[in-house]
Amino acid sequence: MTKLPELLEKAFAGEEILITKNNQQQIKIAPCPIPSQRPPLFGCDRGKIALSADFDEPLDDFQEYM
């Protein structure tokens, strides 16, 4: 039990620690992967989307309904 802090420090450094009993793996101590940061919500698609100048104009297909 006195080696646990040392083992944890190794895991914090990125090492995977396996603890065995009777030659069988019992416990695995491993660092958790760091989740990638999500892009900012607002403004992340700026410059990727464009609307045509006649976006609000009525469509020719609907002339008979107008």
N, C-alpha and C. Protein backbone atom coordinates (compact mmCIF):
# COMPACT_ATOMS: atom_id res chain seq x y z
N MET A 1 0.82 -1.20 0.00
CA MET A 1 0.00 0.00 0.00
C MET A 1 0.86 1.27 0.00
N THR A 2 2.11 1.12 0.41
CA THR A 2 2.97 2.30 0.47
C THR A 2 3.39 2.77 -0.92
N LYS A 3 3.22 1.94 -1.93
CA LYS A 3 3.62 2.31 -3.29
C LYS A 3 2.50 2.97 -4.08
N LEU A 4 1.31 3.03 -3.52
CA LEU A 4 0.17 3.59 -4.26
C LEU A 4 0.42 5.01 -4.73
N PRO A 5 0.93 5.92 -3.89
CA PRO A 5 1.19 7.28 -4.41
C PRO A 5 2.17 7.29 -5.58
N GLU A 6 3.18 6.41 -5.53
CA GLU A 6 4.14 6.33 -6.64
C GLU A 6 3.44 5.84 -7.92
N LEU A 7 2.59 4.83 -7.76
CA LEU A 7 1.87 4.29 -8.91
C LEU A 7 0.93 5.34 -9.50
N LEU A 8 0.28 6.09 -8.64
CA LEU A 8 -0.62 7.14 -9.13
C LEU A 8 0.15 8.22 -9.87
N GLU A 9 1.30 8.57 -9.39
CA GLU A 9 2.12 9.57 -10.07
C GLU A 9 2.52 9.08 -11.47
N LYS A 10 2.84 7.79 -11.59
CA LYS A 10 3.17 7.24 -12.90
C LYS A 10 1.95 7.29 -13.82
N ALA A 11 0.78 7.00 -13.27
CA ALA A 11 -0.44 7.07 -14.08
C ALA A 11 -0.72 8.51 -14.51
N PHE A 12 -0.49 9.46 -13.61
CA PHE A 12 -0.67 10.87 -13.97
C PHE A 12 0.27 11.27 -15.09
N ALA A 13 1.44 10.63 -15.15
CA ALA A 13 2.43 10.93 -16.19
C ALA A 13 2.10 10.24 -17.51
N GLY A 14 1.03 9.41 -17.53
CA GLY A 14 0.61 8.78 -18.78
C GLY A 14 0.86 7.29 -18.85
N GLU A 15 1.44 6.72 -17.81
CA GLU A 15 1.74 5.29 -17.82
C GLU A 15 0.53 4.47 -17.39
N GLU A 16 0.37 3.30 -17.97
CA GLU A 16 -0.72 2.40 -17.60
C GLU A 16 -0.17 1.41 -16.56
N ILE A 17 -0.84 1.28 -15.43
CA ILE A 17 -0.40 0.43 -14.33
C ILE A 17 -1.33 -0.77 -14.23
N LEU A 18 -0.77 -1.99 -14.20
CA LEU A 18 -1.54 -3.22 -14.03
C LEU A 18 -1.17 -3.85 -12.70
N ILE A 19 -2.17 -4.18 -11.90
CA ILE A 19 -1.95 -4.84 -10.62
C ILE A 19 -2.51 -6.26 -10.75
N THR A 20 -1.66 -7.23 -10.43
CA THR A 20 -2.06 -8.62 -10.60
C THR A 20 -2.12 -9.34 -9.25
N LYS A 21 -2.87 -10.44 -9.25
CA LYS A 21 -2.95 -11.32 -8.08
C LYS A 21 -3.04 -12.74 -8.63
N ASN A 22 -2.17 -13.61 -8.17
CA ASN A 22 -2.10 -14.98 -8.67
C ASN A 22 -1.91 -15.00 -10.19
N ASN A 23 -1.04 -14.13 -10.67
CA ASN A 23 -0.72 -14.02 -12.10
C ASN A 23 -1.92 -13.66 -12.98
N GLN A 24 -2.94 -13.08 -12.42
CA GLN A 24 -4.08 -12.62 -13.20
C GLN A 24 -4.29 -11.14 -12.94
N GLN A 25 -4.54 -10.42 -14.02
CA GLN A 25 -4.76 -8.99 -13.89
C GLN A 25 -6.04 -8.73 -13.08
N GLN A 26 -5.91 -7.93 -12.05
CA GLN A 26 -7.05 -7.60 -11.20
C GLN A 26 -7.47 -6.14 -11.32
N ILE A 27 -6.48 -5.26 -11.41
CA ILE A 27 -6.76 -3.82 -11.42
C ILE A 27 -5.90 -3.15 -12.49
N LYS A 28 -6.50 -2.20 -13.18
CA LYS A 28 -5.77 -1.42 -14.18
C LYS A 28 -5.95 0.05 -13.82
N ILE A 29 -4.84 0.74 -13.66
CA ILE A 29 -4.86 2.18 -13.41
C ILE A 29 -4.30 2.84 -14.66
N ALA A 30 -5.11 3.66 -15.29
CA ALA A 30 -4.68 4.29 -16.53
C ALA A 30 -5.21 5.72 -16.58
N PRO A 31 -4.47 6.60 -17.22
CA PRO A 31 -4.96 7.98 -17.36
C PRO A 31 -6.18 8.02 -18.27
N CYS A 32 -7.09 8.90 -17.97
CA CYS A 32 -8.28 9.10 -18.81
C CYS A 32 -7.89 9.97 -20.00
N PRO A 33 -8.43 9.66 -21.18
CA PRO A 33 -8.13 10.53 -22.33
C PRO A 33 -8.75 11.91 -22.11
N ILE A 34 -8.03 12.91 -22.52
CA ILE A 34 -8.52 14.28 -22.39
C ILE A 34 -9.48 14.55 -23.54
N PRO A 35 -10.73 14.91 -23.24
CA PRO A 35 -11.68 15.16 -24.33
C PRO A 35 -11.25 16.38 -25.15
N SER A 36 -11.46 16.28 -26.45
CA SER A 36 -11.11 17.41 -27.30
C SER A 36 -12.09 18.55 -27.03
N GLN A 37 -11.58 19.74 -27.14
CA GLN A 37 -12.44 20.90 -26.87
C GLN A 37 -13.37 21.14 -28.05
N ARG A 38 -14.60 21.42 -27.73
CA ARG A 38 -15.63 21.69 -28.72
C ARG A 38 -15.42 23.10 -29.27
N PRO A 39 -15.63 23.30 -30.56
CA PRO A 39 -15.48 24.65 -31.09
C PRO A 39 -16.54 25.58 -30.49
N PRO A 40 -16.28 26.85 -30.48
CA PRO A 40 -17.27 27.79 -29.94
C PRO A 40 -18.60 27.64 -30.67
N LEU A 41 -19.68 27.78 -29.92
CA LEU A 41 -21.01 27.57 -30.48
C LEU A 41 -21.38 28.68 -31.47
N PHE A 42 -21.20 29.91 -31.08
CA PHE A 42 -21.62 31.02 -31.92
C PHE A 42 -20.48 31.50 -32.80
N GLY A 43 -20.74 31.58 -34.09
CA GLY A 43 -19.75 32.09 -35.02
C GLY A 43 -18.82 31.04 -35.60
N CYS A 44 -19.01 29.77 -35.24
CA CYS A 44 -18.08 28.74 -35.72
C CYS A 44 -18.27 28.45 -37.21
N ASP A 45 -19.42 28.79 -37.79
CA ASP A 45 -19.66 28.54 -39.22
C ASP A 45 -19.58 29.83 -40.04
N ARG A 46 -19.06 30.88 -39.45
CA ARG A 46 -18.96 32.15 -40.16
C ARG A 46 -18.12 31.97 -41.42
N GLY A 47 -18.66 32.41 -42.55
CA GLY A 47 -17.96 32.31 -43.82
C GLY A 47 -18.20 31.00 -44.55
N LYS A 48 -18.89 30.05 -43.92
CA LYS A 48 -19.15 28.76 -44.56
C LYS A 48 -20.53 28.68 -45.18
N ILE A 49 -21.43 29.57 -44.79
CA ILE A 49 -22.81 29.55 -45.27
C ILE A 49 -23.10 30.87 -45.96
N ALA A 50 -23.73 30.80 -47.13
CA ALA A 50 -24.09 32.01 -47.86
C ALA A 50 -25.51 31.87 -48.41
N LEU A 51 -26.25 32.97 -48.42
CA LEU A 51 -27.60 33.01 -48.98
C LEU A 51 -27.56 33.81 -50.27
N SER A 52 -28.32 33.37 -51.25
CA SER A 52 -28.36 34.11 -52.50
C SER A 52 -29.14 35.41 -52.31
N ALA A 53 -28.91 36.36 -53.19
CA ALA A 53 -29.55 37.68 -53.07
C ALA A 53 -31.07 37.58 -53.21
N ASP A 54 -31.57 36.59 -53.97
CA ASP A 54 -33.02 36.46 -54.16
C ASP A 54 -33.64 35.40 -53.24
N PHE A 55 -33.05 35.21 -52.10
CA PHE A 55 -33.52 34.18 -51.16
C PHE A 55 -34.99 34.36 -50.78
N ASP A 56 -35.42 35.61 -50.56
CA ASP A 56 -36.80 35.88 -50.13
C ASP A 56 -37.79 36.01 -51.27
N GLU A 57 -37.34 35.94 -52.49
CA GLU A 57 -38.24 36.08 -53.64
C GLU A 57 -39.12 34.84 -53.79
N PRO A 58 -40.35 35.01 -54.27
CA PRO A 58 -41.23 33.84 -54.48
C PRO A 58 -40.65 32.91 -55.54
N LEU A 59 -40.87 31.63 -55.37
CA LEU A 59 -40.39 30.63 -56.33
C LEU A 59 -41.33 30.56 -57.52
N ASP A 60 -40.79 30.34 -58.71
CA ASP A 60 -41.60 30.23 -59.93
C ASP A 60 -42.60 29.09 -59.83
N ASP A 61 -42.25 28.03 -59.16
CA ASP A 61 -43.13 26.87 -59.04
C ASP A 61 -44.42 27.17 -58.27
N PHE A 62 -44.44 28.23 -57.49
CA PHE A 62 -45.60 28.55 -56.68
C PHE A 62 -46.42 29.75 -57.22
N GLN A 63 -46.15 30.17 -58.44
CA GLN A 63 -46.85 31.33 -59.01
C GLN A 63 -48.35 31.11 -59.07
N GLU A 64 -48.80 29.90 -59.38
CA GLU A 64 -50.23 29.66 -59.49
C GLU A 64 -50.97 29.75 -58.14
N TYR A 65 -50.26 29.68 -57.04
CA TYR A 65 -50.87 29.76 -55.71
C TYR A 65 -50.88 31.18 -55.16
N MET A 66 -50.29 32.10 -55.86
CA MET A 66 -50.18 33.47 -55.36
C MET A 66 -51.19 34.38 -56.01
